[in-house]
């Protein structure tokens, strides 16, 4: 299964749905991007080790 980063549109749609704006949105987007990068790095390493 191919994995890629969470699309910006999905992050933005979630934030809009839950009324995350201004600093809350910035914090949310930063955290999601960081967790997404860690997730992708984990599976990249896992596939290299296989």
N, C-alpha and C. Protein backbone atom coordinates (compact mmCIF):
# COMPACT_ATOMS: atom_id res chain seq x y z
N UNK A 1 0.85 -1.19 0.00
CA UNK A 1 0.00 0.00 0.00
C UNK A 1 0.89 1.24 0.00
N UNK A 2 0.62 2.15 -0.91
CA UNK A 2 1.36 3.40 -0.95
C UNK A 2 0.86 4.34 0.12
N UNK A 3 1.81 4.99 0.75
CA UNK A 3 1.45 5.97 1.78
C UNK A 3 2.03 7.31 1.38
N UNK A 4 1.29 8.35 1.65
CA UNK A 4 1.75 9.69 1.35
C UNK A 4 1.28 10.63 2.45
N UNK A 5 1.73 11.85 2.40
CA UNK A 5 1.35 12.81 3.44
C UNK A 5 -0.16 13.10 3.40
N UNK A 6 -0.68 13.47 4.55
CA UNK A 6 -2.09 13.88 4.62
C UNK A 6 -2.24 15.15 3.77
N UNK A 7 -3.19 15.15 2.87
CA UNK A 7 -3.38 16.35 2.03
C UNK A 7 -3.75 17.58 2.87
N UNK A 8 -3.23 18.71 2.45
CA UNK A 8 -3.54 19.97 3.13
C UNK A 8 -5.04 20.19 3.17
N UNK A 9 -5.73 19.82 2.08
CA UNK A 9 -7.17 20.02 2.03
C UNK A 9 -7.89 19.24 3.14
N UNK A 10 -7.38 18.06 3.49
CA UNK A 10 -7.99 17.27 4.56
C UNK A 10 -7.75 17.92 5.92
N UNK A 11 -6.55 18.43 6.12
CA UNK A 11 -6.24 19.12 7.38
C UNK A 11 -7.12 20.36 7.52
N UNK A 12 -7.21 21.11 6.44
CA UNK A 12 -8.02 22.33 6.45
C UNK A 12 -9.50 22.01 6.66
N UNK A 13 -10.01 20.98 6.01
CA UNK A 13 -11.43 20.62 6.16
C UNK A 13 -11.73 20.22 7.60
N UNK A 14 -10.84 19.45 8.21
CA UNK A 14 -11.04 19.04 9.60
C UNK A 14 -11.05 20.28 10.51
N UNK A 15 -10.09 21.17 10.29
CA UNK A 15 -10.01 22.37 11.11
C UNK A 15 -11.26 23.24 10.96
N UNK A 16 -11.76 23.36 9.75
CA UNK A 16 -12.98 24.14 9.53
C UNK A 16 -14.16 23.49 10.24
N UNK A 17 -14.26 22.18 10.15
CA UNK A 17 -15.39 21.47 10.77
C UNK A 17 -15.42 21.68 12.28
N UNK A 18 -14.24 21.74 12.89
CA UNK A 18 -14.16 21.89 14.34
C UNK A 18 -13.79 23.31 14.78
N UNK A 19 -13.95 24.25 13.87
CA UNK A 19 -13.77 25.69 14.14
C UNK A 19 -12.40 26.04 14.72
N UNK A 20 -11.37 25.44 14.17
CA UNK A 20 -10.01 25.78 14.58
C UNK A 20 -9.52 26.93 13.71
N UNK A 21 -9.25 28.07 14.32
CA UNK A 21 -8.84 29.26 13.58
C UNK A 21 -7.61 29.88 14.23
N UNK A 22 -6.97 30.73 13.47
CA UNK A 22 -5.82 31.52 13.94
C UNK A 22 -4.74 30.64 14.57
N UNK A 23 -4.33 30.97 15.80
CA UNK A 23 -3.24 30.22 16.45
C UNK A 23 -3.60 28.76 16.67
N UNK A 24 -4.86 28.49 16.95
CA UNK A 24 -5.28 27.09 17.14
C UNK A 24 -5.09 26.29 15.86
N UNK A 25 -5.45 26.89 14.73
CA UNK A 25 -5.25 26.22 13.45
C UNK A 25 -3.77 26.00 13.18
N UNK A 26 -2.96 27.02 13.39
CA UNK A 26 -1.52 26.90 13.15
C UNK A 26 -0.91 25.79 13.99
N UNK A 27 -1.27 25.75 15.25
CA UNK A 27 -0.78 24.71 16.16
C UNK A 27 -1.23 23.32 15.69
N UNK A 28 -2.50 23.22 15.35
CA UNK A 28 -3.08 21.96 14.88
C UNK A 28 -2.36 21.47 13.62
N UNK A 29 -2.21 22.34 12.64
CA UNK A 29 -1.57 21.95 11.38
C UNK A 29 -0.12 21.53 11.62
N UNK A 30 0.59 22.24 12.47
CA UNK A 30 1.98 21.90 12.79
C UNK A 30 2.06 20.52 13.44
N UNK A 31 1.18 20.25 14.39
CA UNK A 31 1.18 18.95 15.07
C UNK A 31 0.82 17.82 14.11
N UNK A 32 -0.18 18.02 13.29
CA UNK A 32 -0.58 16.98 12.33
C UNK A 32 0.55 16.69 11.36
N UNK A 33 1.19 17.72 10.84
CA UNK A 33 2.32 17.52 9.92
C UNK A 33 3.46 16.75 10.60
N UNK A 34 3.77 17.09 11.84
CA UNK A 34 4.85 16.41 12.57
C UNK A 34 4.50 14.94 12.80
N UNK A 35 3.27 14.67 13.21
CA UNK A 35 2.86 13.27 13.43
C UNK A 35 2.83 12.51 12.11
N UNK A 36 2.39 13.15 11.06
CA UNK A 36 2.34 12.52 9.75
C UNK A 36 3.75 12.17 9.26
N UNK A 37 4.69 13.08 9.44
CA UNK A 37 6.07 12.81 9.04
C UNK A 37 6.66 11.64 9.82
N UNK A 38 6.38 11.56 11.11
CA UNK A 38 6.87 10.45 11.92
C UNK A 38 6.25 9.14 11.45
N UNK A 39 4.97 9.16 11.17
CA UNK A 39 4.26 7.97 10.68
C UNK A 39 4.86 7.48 9.36
N UNK A 40 5.06 8.41 8.43
CA UNK A 40 5.61 8.04 7.13
C UNK A 40 7.05 7.53 7.26
N UNK A 41 7.84 8.15 8.13
CA UNK A 41 9.22 7.71 8.34
C UNK A 41 9.24 6.29 8.92
N UNK A 42 8.35 5.99 9.84
CA UNK A 42 8.26 4.66 10.43
C UNK A 42 8.00 3.61 9.34
N UNK A 43 7.03 3.86 8.48
CA UNK A 43 6.70 2.88 7.46
C UNK A 43 7.75 2.82 6.35
N UNK A 44 8.44 3.93 6.08
CA UNK A 44 9.55 3.89 5.12
C UNK A 44 10.64 2.97 5.63
N UNK A 45 11.01 3.14 6.91
CA UNK A 45 12.05 2.30 7.51
C UNK A 45 11.61 0.85 7.56
N UNK A 46 10.37 0.63 7.93
CA UNK A 46 9.85 -0.73 8.01
C UNK A 46 9.91 -1.44 6.66
N UNK A 47 9.59 -0.71 5.58
CA UNK A 47 9.64 -1.33 4.25
C UNK A 47 11.07 -1.55 3.77
N UNK A 48 12.01 -0.70 4.20
CA UNK A 48 13.42 -0.89 3.83
C UNK A 48 14.01 -2.11 4.54
N UNK A 49 13.55 -2.36 5.78
CA UNK A 49 14.06 -3.49 6.55
C UNK A 49 13.47 -4.82 6.11
N UNK A 50 12.39 -4.78 5.36
CA UNK A 50 11.71 -6.03 4.94
C UNK A 50 12.42 -6.72 3.80
